[in-house]
Amino acid sequence: MSEDIKKEEVTEEVEATEAAETVEEVVSETPEKSELELANERADDFENKYLRAHAEMQNIQRRANEERQQLQRYRSQDLAKAILPGLDNLERALAVEGLTDDVKKGLEMTHDSLIQALKEEGVEEVEVENFDHNFHMAVQTLPADDEHPADSIAQVFQKGYKLHERLLRPAMVVVYN
């Protein structure tokens, strides 16, 4: 039995030696430096591809997060736009003279609750101090004078609203020009 083991060991050594000689022949036929350079180039190429893929994945994740945040931030935009005409009607109703105190109080409470709900969602009125074409729509102009400088607002026909920094509806105003 030990003879069989020795024969196997000798056979394995011979096969290993023959394999080593074959590798040496292949290496001696092709210059070693070019193989190393080729391997380094391939490694560099794979590293570049990996880094590009990794950067692209990070960009995709960043864009998805930003988009998710935008959707969350402006989720109530359509609802706010739908509520604004009703709020305008409430304000017109409050301006009517001759309302009983109970009716007026009920309208004011409804108006205040709608305004508060909109504020909680980030909706606020557009300021109407000076005319800004980004937030106001001039529907009429009046001549400017000493008391009323140019680009000041004379009258507001319809309030404007914005959700955070996004304009929902411009204010319809009369402007001194």
N, C-alpha and C. Protein backbone atom coordinates (compact mmCIF):
# COMPACT_ATOMS: atom_id res chain seq x y z
N MET A 1 0.82 -1.18 0.00
CA MET A 1 0.00 0.00 0.00
C MET A 1 0.86 1.25 0.00
N SER A 2 1.92 1.24 0.74
CA SER A 2 2.80 2.39 0.73
C SER A 2 3.46 2.56 -0.63
N GLU A 3 3.62 1.44 -1.38
CA GLU A 3 4.18 1.54 -2.73
C GLU A 3 3.22 2.29 -3.63
N ASP A 4 1.91 2.03 -3.48
CA ASP A 4 0.91 2.71 -4.28
C ASP A 4 0.91 4.22 -3.99
N ILE A 5 1.05 4.55 -2.70
CA ILE A 5 1.07 5.96 -2.31
C ILE A 5 2.30 6.63 -2.89
N LYS A 6 3.46 5.95 -2.86
CA LYS A 6 4.69 6.53 -3.40
C LYS A 6 4.57 6.72 -4.90
N LYS A 7 3.94 5.75 -5.61
CA LYS A 7 3.77 5.88 -7.05
C LYS A 7 2.88 7.08 -7.37
N GLU A 8 1.81 7.25 -6.57
CA GLU A 8 0.92 8.39 -6.80
C GLU A 8 1.64 9.71 -6.57
N GLU A 9 2.47 9.77 -5.51
CA GLU A 9 3.21 10.98 -5.22
C GLU A 9 4.19 11.30 -6.35
N VAL A 10 4.87 10.25 -6.84
CA VAL A 10 5.82 10.45 -7.94
C VAL A 10 5.07 10.92 -9.19
N THR A 11 3.93 10.32 -9.46
CA THR A 11 3.14 10.69 -10.64
C THR A 11 2.68 12.14 -10.52
N GLU A 12 2.23 12.56 -9.31
CA GLU A 12 1.79 13.93 -9.11
C GLU A 12 2.95 14.91 -9.27
N GLU A 13 4.14 14.51 -8.80
CA GLU A 13 5.31 15.38 -8.94
C GLU A 13 5.68 15.54 -10.41
N VAL A 14 5.62 14.46 -11.14
CA VAL A 14 5.96 14.52 -12.57
C VAL A 14 4.95 15.41 -13.30
N GLU A 15 3.67 15.24 -12.99
CA GLU A 15 2.64 16.06 -13.64
C GLU A 15 2.82 17.53 -13.29
N ALA A 16 3.15 17.82 -12.03
CA ALA A 16 3.37 19.19 -11.60
C ALA A 16 4.57 19.79 -12.30
N THR A 17 5.62 19.00 -12.45
CA THR A 17 6.83 19.47 -13.12
C THR A 17 6.53 19.75 -14.59
N GLU A 18 5.79 18.85 -15.23
CA GLU A 18 5.44 19.05 -16.64
C GLU A 18 4.58 20.31 -16.80
N ALA A 19 3.64 20.52 -15.88
CA ALA A 19 2.79 21.71 -15.95
C ALA A 19 3.61 22.97 -15.76
N ALA A 20 4.56 22.93 -14.84
CA ALA A 20 5.42 24.09 -14.60
C ALA A 20 6.27 24.37 -15.83
N GLU A 21 6.77 23.33 -16.46
CA GLU A 21 7.58 23.52 -17.66
C GLU A 21 6.73 24.13 -18.78
N THR A 22 5.46 23.70 -18.89
CA THR A 22 4.57 24.23 -19.92
C THR A 22 4.31 25.71 -19.67
N VAL A 23 4.10 26.09 -18.41
CA VAL A 23 3.87 27.48 -18.08
C VAL A 23 5.12 28.30 -18.38
N GLU A 24 6.28 27.76 -18.05
CA GLU A 24 7.53 28.47 -18.32
C GLU A 24 7.73 28.66 -19.81
N GLU A 25 7.35 27.67 -20.61
CA GLU A 25 7.48 27.79 -22.06
C GLU A 25 6.58 28.91 -22.58
N VAL A 26 5.33 28.96 -22.08
CA VAL A 26 4.39 29.99 -22.53
C VAL A 26 4.88 31.36 -22.11
N VAL A 27 5.37 31.48 -20.87
CA VAL A 27 5.86 32.76 -20.37
C VAL A 27 7.08 33.19 -21.16
N SER A 28 7.95 32.26 -21.47
CA SER A 28 9.17 32.62 -22.19
C SER A 28 8.86 33.02 -23.63
N GLU A 29 7.76 32.49 -24.21
CA GLU A 29 7.40 32.85 -25.57
C GLU A 29 6.84 34.27 -25.63
N THR A 30 6.09 34.71 -24.60
CA THR A 30 5.54 36.07 -24.59
C THR A 30 6.25 36.85 -23.51
N PRO A 31 6.58 38.10 -23.78
CA PRO A 31 7.30 38.87 -22.77
C PRO A 31 6.43 39.09 -21.52
N GLU A 32 7.04 38.95 -20.36
CA GLU A 32 6.33 39.03 -19.09
C GLU A 32 5.78 40.43 -18.84
N LYS A 33 6.49 41.45 -19.23
CA LYS A 33 6.10 42.82 -18.98
C LYS A 33 4.79 43.18 -19.69
N SER A 34 4.60 42.72 -20.92
CA SER A 34 3.39 43.04 -21.64
C SER A 34 2.18 42.37 -21.00
N GLU A 35 2.32 41.18 -20.47
CA GLU A 35 1.22 40.52 -19.78
C GLU A 35 0.84 41.32 -18.54
N LEU A 36 1.82 41.79 -17.83
CA LEU A 36 1.57 42.58 -16.63
C LEU A 36 0.90 43.90 -16.99
N GLU A 37 1.40 44.53 -18.04
CA GLU A 37 0.79 45.77 -18.49
C GLU A 37 -0.65 45.55 -18.93
N LEU A 38 -0.88 44.46 -19.66
CA LEU A 38 -2.23 44.14 -20.12
C LEU A 38 -3.15 43.90 -18.93
N ALA A 39 -2.68 43.17 -17.96
CA ALA A 39 -3.47 42.90 -16.75
C ALA A 39 -3.76 44.20 -16.00
N ASN A 40 -2.78 45.07 -15.89
CA ASN A 40 -2.98 46.36 -15.21
C ASN A 40 -3.99 47.23 -15.97
N GLU A 41 -3.89 47.22 -17.31
CA GLU A 41 -4.84 48.00 -18.10
C GLU A 41 -6.26 47.48 -17.90
N ARG A 42 -6.40 46.15 -17.91
CA ARG A 42 -7.73 45.58 -17.69
C ARG A 42 -8.24 45.91 -16.30
N ALA A 43 -7.34 45.86 -15.32
CA ALA A 43 -7.73 46.19 -13.94
C ALA A 43 -8.16 47.66 -13.85
N ASP A 44 -7.41 48.54 -14.51
CA ASP A 44 -7.76 49.96 -14.52
C ASP A 44 -9.12 50.17 -15.20
N ASP A 45 -9.33 49.46 -16.31
CA ASP A 45 -10.58 49.57 -17.03
C ASP A 45 -11.75 49.12 -16.16
N PHE A 46 -11.58 47.99 -15.48
CA PHE A 46 -12.64 47.50 -14.59
C PHE A 46 -12.87 48.46 -13.43
N GLU A 47 -11.79 49.04 -12.91
CA GLU A 47 -11.93 49.99 -11.80
C GLU A 47 -12.71 51.23 -12.26
N ASN A 48 -12.38 51.74 -13.46
CA ASN A 48 -13.10 52.89 -14.01
C ASN A 48 -14.59 52.58 -14.20
N LYS A 49 -14.86 51.40 -14.76
CA LYS A 49 -16.25 51.01 -14.96
C LYS A 49 -16.98 50.90 -13.62
N TYR A 50 -16.33 50.35 -12.64
CA TYR A 50 -16.92 50.21 -11.30
C TYR A 50 -17.20 51.60 -10.71
N LEU A 51 -16.21 52.49 -10.78
CA LEU A 51 -16.39 53.82 -10.21
C LEU A 51 -17.50 54.59 -10.91
N ARG A 52 -17.59 54.46 -12.21
CA ARG A 52 -18.66 55.13 -12.96
C ARG A 52 -20.03 54.57 -12.57
N ALA A 53 -20.12 53.26 -12.48
CA ALA A 53 -21.39 52.64 -12.10
C ALA A 53 -21.78 53.04 -10.68
N HIS A 54 -20.81 53.08 -9.80
CA HIS A 54 -21.07 53.47 -8.41
C HIS A 54 -21.55 54.93 -8.34
N ALA A 55 -20.90 55.81 -9.07
CA ALA A 55 -21.29 57.22 -9.10
C ALA A 55 -22.69 57.37 -9.70
N GLU A 56 -22.98 56.63 -10.74
CA GLU A 56 -24.31 56.69 -11.36
C GLU A 56 -25.38 56.22 -10.39
N MET A 57 -25.12 55.18 -9.63
CA MET A 57 -26.08 54.70 -8.63
C MET A 57 -26.31 55.76 -7.55
N GLN A 58 -25.26 56.42 -7.11
CA GLN A 58 -25.41 57.47 -6.11
C GLN A 58 -26.24 58.63 -6.68
N ASN A 59 -26.01 58.99 -7.93
CA ASN A 59 -26.79 60.06 -8.56
C ASN A 59 -28.26 59.68 -8.68
N ILE A 60 -28.53 58.44 -9.04
CA ILE A 60 -29.92 57.98 -9.15
C ILE A 60 -30.60 58.04 -7.78
N GLN A 61 -29.91 57.60 -6.75
CA GLN A 61 -30.47 57.63 -5.40
C GLN A 61 -30.72 59.08 -4.95
N ARG A 62 -29.78 59.96 -5.23
CA ARG A 62 -29.92 61.37 -4.85
C ARG A 62 -31.12 62.00 -5.57
N ARG A 63 -31.22 61.76 -6.87
CA ARG A 63 -32.35 62.31 -7.64
C ARG A 63 -33.68 61.76 -7.14
N ALA A 64 -33.73 60.48 -6.83
CA ALA A 64 -34.96 59.87 -6.32
C ALA A 64 -35.35 60.48 -4.97
N ASN A 65 -34.37 60.70 -4.11
CA ASN A 65 -34.65 61.33 -2.81
C ASN A 65 -35.15 62.76 -2.98
N GLU A 66 -34.52 63.52 -3.87
CA GLU A 66 -34.95 64.89 -4.12
C GLU A 66 -36.38 64.92 -4.68
N GLU A 67 -36.67 64.01 -5.60
CA GLU A 67 -38.00 63.95 -6.18
C GLU A 67 -39.04 63.58 -5.12
N ARG A 68 -38.70 62.64 -4.26
CA ARG A 68 -39.60 62.25 -3.18
C ARG A 68 -39.87 63.42 -2.24
N GLN A 69 -38.83 64.18 -1.92
CA GLN A 69 -39.00 65.35 -1.05
C GLN A 69 -39.87 66.42 -1.71
N GLN A 70 -39.69 66.64 -3.02
CA GLN A 70 -40.51 67.62 -3.73
C GLN A 70 -41.98 67.18 -3.74
N LEU A 71 -42.21 65.90 -3.99
CA LEU A 71 -43.58 65.41 -3.99
C LEU A 71 -44.22 65.58 -2.62
N GLN A 72 -43.47 65.30 -1.58
CA GLN A 72 -43.98 65.46 -0.22
C GLN A 72 -44.25 66.93 0.09
N ARG A 73 -43.34 67.79 -0.31
CA ARG A 73 -43.46 69.22 0.00
C ARG A 73 -44.66 69.87 -0.70
N TYR A 74 -44.95 69.44 -1.92
CA TYR A 74 -46.01 70.07 -2.70
C TYR A 74 -47.22 69.14 -2.90
N ARG A 75 -47.41 68.19 -2.00
CA ARG A 75 -48.49 67.22 -2.11
C ARG A 75 -49.87 67.86 -2.08
N SER A 76 -50.01 68.99 -1.39
CA SER A 76 -51.33 69.61 -1.22
C SER A 76 -51.61 70.70 -2.24
N GLN A 77 -50.82 70.79 -3.27
CA GLN A 77 -50.97 71.86 -4.26
C GLN A 77 -52.34 71.80 -4.95
N ASP A 78 -52.74 70.66 -5.43
CA ASP A 78 -54.01 70.55 -6.15
C ASP A 78 -55.20 70.84 -5.23
N LEU A 79 -55.13 70.34 -4.00
CA LEU A 79 -56.21 70.60 -3.05
C LEU A 79 -56.31 72.09 -2.73
N ALA A 80 -55.18 72.73 -2.54
CA ALA A 80 -55.19 74.17 -2.24
C ALA A 80 -55.79 74.95 -3.41
N LYS A 81 -55.41 74.60 -4.63
CA LYS A 81 -55.97 75.29 -5.80
C LYS A 81 -57.48 75.10 -5.88
N ALA A 82 -57.96 73.95 -5.46
CA ALA A 82 -59.40 73.69 -5.50
C ALA A 82 -60.14 74.46 -4.40
N ILE A 83 -59.48 74.71 -3.28
CA ILE A 83 -60.12 75.39 -2.15
C ILE A 83 -60.15 76.91 -2.34
N LEU A 84 -59.20 77.47 -3.05
CA LEU A 84 -59.09 78.93 -3.17
C LEU A 84 -60.35 79.61 -3.71
N PRO A 85 -61.03 79.11 -4.73
CA PRO A 85 -62.27 79.77 -5.16
C PRO A 85 -63.34 79.81 -4.06
N GLY A 86 -63.45 78.75 -3.28
CA GLY A 86 -64.40 78.76 -2.17
C GLY A 86 -64.02 79.79 -1.12
N LEU A 87 -62.72 79.93 -0.87
CA LEU A 87 -62.24 80.94 0.07
C LEU A 87 -62.57 82.34 -0.45
N ASP A 88 -62.40 82.56 -1.74
CA ASP A 88 -62.76 83.85 -2.35
C ASP A 88 -64.25 84.14 -2.15
N ASN A 89 -65.08 83.12 -2.34
CA ASN A 89 -66.53 83.31 -2.17
C ASN A 89 -66.87 83.63 -0.72
N LEU A 90 -66.19 83.00 0.22
CA LEU A 90 -66.41 83.32 1.63
C LEU A 90 -66.05 84.78 1.92
N GLU A 91 -64.95 85.24 1.36
CA GLU A 91 -64.54 86.63 1.58
C GLU A 91 -65.54 87.60 0.96
N ARG A 92 -66.09 87.26 -0.20
CA ARG A 92 -67.12 88.10 -0.83
C ARG A 92 -68.37 88.12 0.04
N ALA A 93 -68.72 86.96 0.58
CA ALA A 93 -69.91 86.89 1.44
C ALA A 93 -69.73 87.72 2.70
N LEU A 94 -68.51 87.71 3.26
CA LEU A 94 -68.24 88.51 4.45
C LEU A 94 -68.30 90.01 4.16
N ALA A 95 -68.05 90.39 2.92
CA ALA A 95 -68.06 91.81 2.54
C ALA A 95 -69.47 92.34 2.33
N VAL A 96 -70.45 91.45 2.23
CA VAL A 96 -71.84 91.87 2.01
C VAL A 96 -72.36 92.53 3.28
N GLU A 97 -73.02 93.66 3.09
CA GLU A 97 -73.60 94.36 4.24
C GLU A 97 -74.98 93.80 4.54
N GLY A 98 -75.38 93.91 5.79
CA GLY A 98 -76.72 93.48 6.18
C GLY A 98 -76.79 92.04 6.67
N LEU A 99 -75.64 91.40 6.86
CA LEU A 99 -75.66 90.03 7.40
C LEU A 99 -75.97 90.08 8.89
N THR A 100 -76.69 89.08 9.33
CA THR A 100 -76.94 89.00 10.77
C THR A 100 -75.64 88.63 11.46
N ASP A 101 -75.56 88.93 12.74
CA ASP A 101 -74.33 88.64 13.49
C ASP A 101 -74.02 87.15 13.51
N ASP A 102 -75.05 86.32 13.63
CA ASP A 102 -74.83 84.87 13.68
C ASP A 102 -74.27 84.35 12.34
N VAL A 103 -74.84 84.82 11.26
CA VAL A 103 -74.38 84.39 9.93
C VAL A 103 -72.96 84.88 9.71
N LYS A 104 -72.70 86.13 10.06
CA LYS A 104 -71.36 86.70 9.87
C LYS A 104 -70.34 85.94 10.72
N LYS A 105 -70.71 85.62 11.96
CA LYS A 105 -69.80 84.88 12.84
C LYS A 105 -69.51 83.49 12.27
N GLY A 106 -70.53 82.83 11.75
CA GLY A 106 -70.34 81.50 11.14
C GLY A 106 -69.43 81.56 9.92
N LEU A 107 -69.64 82.57 9.08
CA LEU A 107 -68.79 82.74 7.90
C LEU A 107 -67.34 83.03 8.31
N GLU A 108 -67.15 83.87 9.31
CA GLU A 108 -65.79 84.19 9.79
C GLU A 108 -65.09 82.96 10.34
N MET A 109 -65.83 82.14 11.10
CA MET A 109 -65.23 80.92 11.65
C MET A 109 -64.82 79.96 10.54
N THR A 110 -65.69 79.82 9.54
CA THR A 110 -65.36 78.95 8.40
C THR A 110 -64.15 79.49 7.65
N HIS A 111 -64.14 80.80 7.40
CA HIS A 111 -63.02 81.45 6.72
C HIS A 111 -61.72 81.24 7.49
N ASP A 112 -61.76 81.50 8.80
CA ASP A 112 -60.56 81.36 9.62
C ASP A 112 -60.04 79.92 9.65
N SER A 113 -60.96 78.96 9.72
CA SER A 113 -60.51 77.56 9.74
C SER A 113 -59.88 77.15 8.42
N LEU A 114 -60.42 77.64 7.30
CA LEU A 114 -59.82 77.34 5.99
C LEU A 114 -58.43 77.98 5.88
N ILE A 115 -58.32 79.23 6.30
CA ILE A 115 -57.02 79.92 6.26
C ILE A 115 -56.00 79.17 7.12
N GLN A 116 -56.41 78.74 8.31
CA GLN A 116 -55.50 78.02 9.20
C GLN A 116 -55.07 76.69 8.59
N ALA A 117 -56.01 75.96 7.99
CA ALA A 117 -55.68 74.68 7.36
C ALA A 117 -54.69 74.88 6.21
N LEU A 118 -54.89 75.93 5.43
CA LEU A 118 -53.97 76.22 4.33
C LEU A 118 -52.58 76.60 4.86
N LYS A 119 -52.54 77.38 5.92
CA LYS A 119 -51.25 77.77 6.51
C LYS A 119 -50.49 76.56 7.02
N GLU A 120 -51.20 75.61 7.62
CA GLU A 120 -50.55 74.40 8.12
C GLU A 120 -49.92 73.59 6.99
N GLU A 121 -50.47 73.71 5.80
CA GLU A 121 -49.91 73.00 4.64
C GLU A 121 -48.84 73.82 3.92
N GLY A 122 -48.61 75.05 4.36
CA GLY A 122 -47.57 75.89 3.75
C GLY A 122 -48.10 76.89 2.76
N VAL A 123 -49.41 77.04 2.65
CA VAL A 123 -50.01 78.00 1.72
C VAL A 123 -50.11 79.34 2.43
N GLU A 124 -49.67 80.39 1.75
CA GLU A 124 -49.75 81.73 2.32
C GLU A 124 -50.11 82.73 1.23
N GLU A 125 -50.64 83.87 1.67
CA GLU A 125 -51.01 84.92 0.72
C GLU A 125 -49.76 85.57 0.13
N VAL A 126 -49.89 86.01 -1.11
CA VAL A 126 -48.82 86.77 -1.77
C VAL A 126 -48.89 88.19 -1.23
N GLU A 127 -47.74 88.74 -0.86
CA GLU A 127 -47.70 90.12 -0.36
C GLU A 127 -48.04 91.08 -1.49
N VAL A 128 -48.70 92.19 -1.12
CA VAL A 128 -49.15 93.14 -2.15
C VAL A 128 -48.62 94.54 -1.89
N GLU A 129 -47.40 94.66 -1.42
CA GLU A 129 -46.83 95.99 -1.17
C GLU A 129 -46.41 96.66 -2.47
N ASN A 130 -45.50 96.04 -3.18
CA ASN A 130 -45.03 96.57 -4.46
C ASN A 130 -45.27 95.54 -5.55
N PHE A 131 -45.51 96.04 -6.75
CA PHE A 131 -45.79 95.15 -7.87
C PHE A 131 -44.57 94.32 -8.22
N ASP A 132 -44.77 93.02 -8.34
CA ASP A 132 -43.74 92.09 -8.78
C ASP A 132 -44.39 91.16 -9.80
N HIS A 133 -43.91 91.22 -11.04
CA HIS A 133 -44.55 90.44 -12.10
C HIS A 133 -44.49 88.93 -11.85
N ASN A 134 -43.64 88.49 -10.93
CA ASN A 134 -43.57 87.07 -10.59
C ASN A 134 -44.73 86.62 -9.73
N PHE A 135 -45.34 87.55 -8.99
CA PHE A 135 -46.41 87.22 -8.05
C PHE A 135 -47.72 87.95 -8.30
N HIS A 136 -47.70 88.94 -9.16
CA HIS A 136 -48.90 89.75 -9.40
C HIS A 136 -49.24 89.79 -10.88
N MET A 137 -50.54 89.92 -11.15
CA MET A 137 -50.99 90.08 -12.52
C MET A 137 -51.74 91.42 -12.58
N ALA A 138 -51.19 92.36 -13.34
CA ALA A 138 -51.81 93.68 -13.46
C ALA A 138 -52.98 93.57 -14.43
N VAL A 139 -54.17 93.88 -13.94
CA VAL A 139 -55.35 93.84 -14.79
C VAL A 139 -55.77 95.23 -15.23
N GLN A 140 -55.17 96.25 -14.56
CA GLN A 140 -55.48 97.64 -14.89
C GLN A 140 -54.33 98.49 -14.38
N THR A 141 -54.11 99.64 -15.02
CA THR A 141 -53.08 100.58 -14.56
C THR A 141 -53.69 101.95 -14.33
N LEU A 142 -53.09 102.66 -13.40
CA LEU A 142 -53.48 104.04 -13.11
C LEU A 142 -52.23 104.90 -13.23
N PRO A 143 -52.38 106.17 -13.57
CA PRO A 143 -51.18 107.02 -13.68
C PRO A 143 -50.56 107.26 -12.29
N ALA A 144 -49.27 107.19 -12.22
CA ALA A 144 -48.55 107.43 -10.95
C ALA A 144 -48.48 108.92 -10.68
N ASP A 145 -48.43 109.27 -9.40
CA ASP A 145 -48.28 110.68 -9.00
C ASP A 145 -47.34 110.75 -7.80
N ASP A 146 -47.28 111.92 -7.17
CA ASP A 146 -46.36 112.08 -6.03
C ASP A 146 -46.72 111.18 -4.85
N GLU A 147 -48.00 111.00 -4.60
CA GLU A 147 -48.44 110.17 -3.48
C GLU A 147 -48.34 108.68 -3.79
N HIS A 148 -48.44 108.33 -5.05
CA HIS A 148 -48.45 106.93 -5.47
C HIS A 148 -47.35 106.70 -6.50
N PRO A 149 -46.20 106.20 -6.06
CA PRO A 149 -45.09 105.98 -7.01
C PRO A 149 -45.39 104.83 -7.98
N ALA A 150 -44.62 104.80 -9.05
CA ALA A 150 -44.79 103.76 -10.05
C ALA A 150 -44.53 102.39 -9.41
N ASP A 151 -45.21 101.41 -9.92
CA ASP A 151 -45.12 100.01 -9.48
C ASP A 151 -45.66 99.78 -8.07
N SER A 152 -46.43 100.72 -7.55
CA SER A 152 -47.12 100.45 -6.29
C SER A 152 -48.52 99.96 -6.63
N ILE A 153 -49.11 99.20 -5.74
CA ILE A 153 -50.41 98.59 -6.00
C ILE A 153 -51.52 99.47 -5.44
N ALA A 154 -52.49 99.76 -6.30
CA ALA A 154 -53.61 100.61 -5.92
C ALA A 154 -54.75 99.80 -5.31
N GLN A 155 -55.03 98.65 -5.90
CA GLN A 155 -56.16 97.85 -5.44
C GLN A 155 -55.90 96.38 -5.76
N VAL A 156 -56.44 95.51 -4.92
CA VAL A 156 -56.33 94.06 -5.14
C VAL A 156 -57.72 93.54 -5.50
N PHE A 157 -57.85 92.97 -6.71
CA PHE A 157 -59.12 92.38 -7.13
C PHE A 157 -59.27 90.96 -6.59
N GLN A 158 -58.18 90.23 -6.62
CA GLN A 158 -58.20 88.84 -6.15
C GLN A 158 -56.87 88.53 -5.50
N LYS A 159 -56.90 87.96 -4.30
CA LYS A 159 -55.67 87.64 -3.59
C LYS A 159 -54.91 86.54 -4.32
N GLY A 160 -53.58 86.62 -4.20
CA GLY A 160 -52.73 85.59 -4.75
C GLY A 160 -52.23 84.70 -3.62
N TYR A 161 -51.88 83.46 -3.96
CA TYR A 161 -51.41 82.52 -2.96
C TYR A 161 -50.21 81.75 -3.50
N LYS A 162 -49.34 81.36 -2.57
CA LYS A 162 -48.20 80.52 -2.94
C LYS A 162 -48.07 79.39 -1.93
N LEU A 163 -47.55 78.28 -2.39
CA LEU A 163 -47.27 77.12 -1.56
C LEU A 163 -45.77 77.04 -1.42
N HIS A 164 -45.28 77.33 -0.23
CA HIS A 164 -43.86 77.49 0.04
C HIS A 164 -43.34 78.58 -0.90
N GLU A 165 -42.47 78.26 -1.85
CA GLU A 165 -42.02 79.31 -2.78
C GLU A 165 -42.64 79.16 -4.17
N ARG A 166 -43.55 78.20 -4.34
CA ARG A 166 -44.21 77.96 -5.63
C ARG A 166 -45.53 78.73 -5.69
N LEU A 167 -45.70 79.51 -6.74
CA LEU A 167 -46.90 80.31 -6.92
C LEU A 167 -48.07 79.42 -7.32
N LEU A 168 -49.17 79.50 -6.55
CA LEU A 168 -50.38 78.77 -6.89
C LEU A 168 -51.28 79.61 -7.79
N ARG A 169 -51.39 80.90 -7.42
CA ARG A 169 -52.25 81.81 -8.18
C ARG A 169 -51.71 83.22 -7.97
N PRO A 170 -51.50 83.99 -9.06
CA PRO A 170 -51.03 85.37 -8.88
C PRO A 170 -52.15 86.26 -8.37
N ALA A 171 -51.77 87.32 -7.68
CA ALA A 171 -52.73 88.31 -7.22
C ALA A 171 -53.13 89.18 -8.41
N MET A 172 -54.42 89.41 -8.56
CA MET A 172 -54.92 90.29 -9.63
C MET A 172 -55.03 91.69 -9.04
N VAL A 173 -54.24 92.63 -9.59
CA VAL A 173 -54.11 93.95 -8.98
C VAL A 173 -54.23 95.08 -10.00
N VAL A 174 -54.49 96.28 -9.45
CA VAL A 174 -54.43 97.52 -10.21
C VAL A 174 -53.12 98.18 -9.81
N VAL A 175 -52.33 98.59 -10.79
CA VAL A 175 -50.97 99.10 -10.52
C VAL A 175 -50.85 100.54 -10.98
N TYR A 176 -50.15 101.35 -10.19
CA TYR A 176 -49.78 102.69 -10.62
C TYR A 176 -48.61 102.57 -11.57
N ASN A 177 -48.73 103.27 -12.71
CA ASN A 177 -47.69 103.13 -13.71
C ASN A 177 -47.24 104.51 -14.17
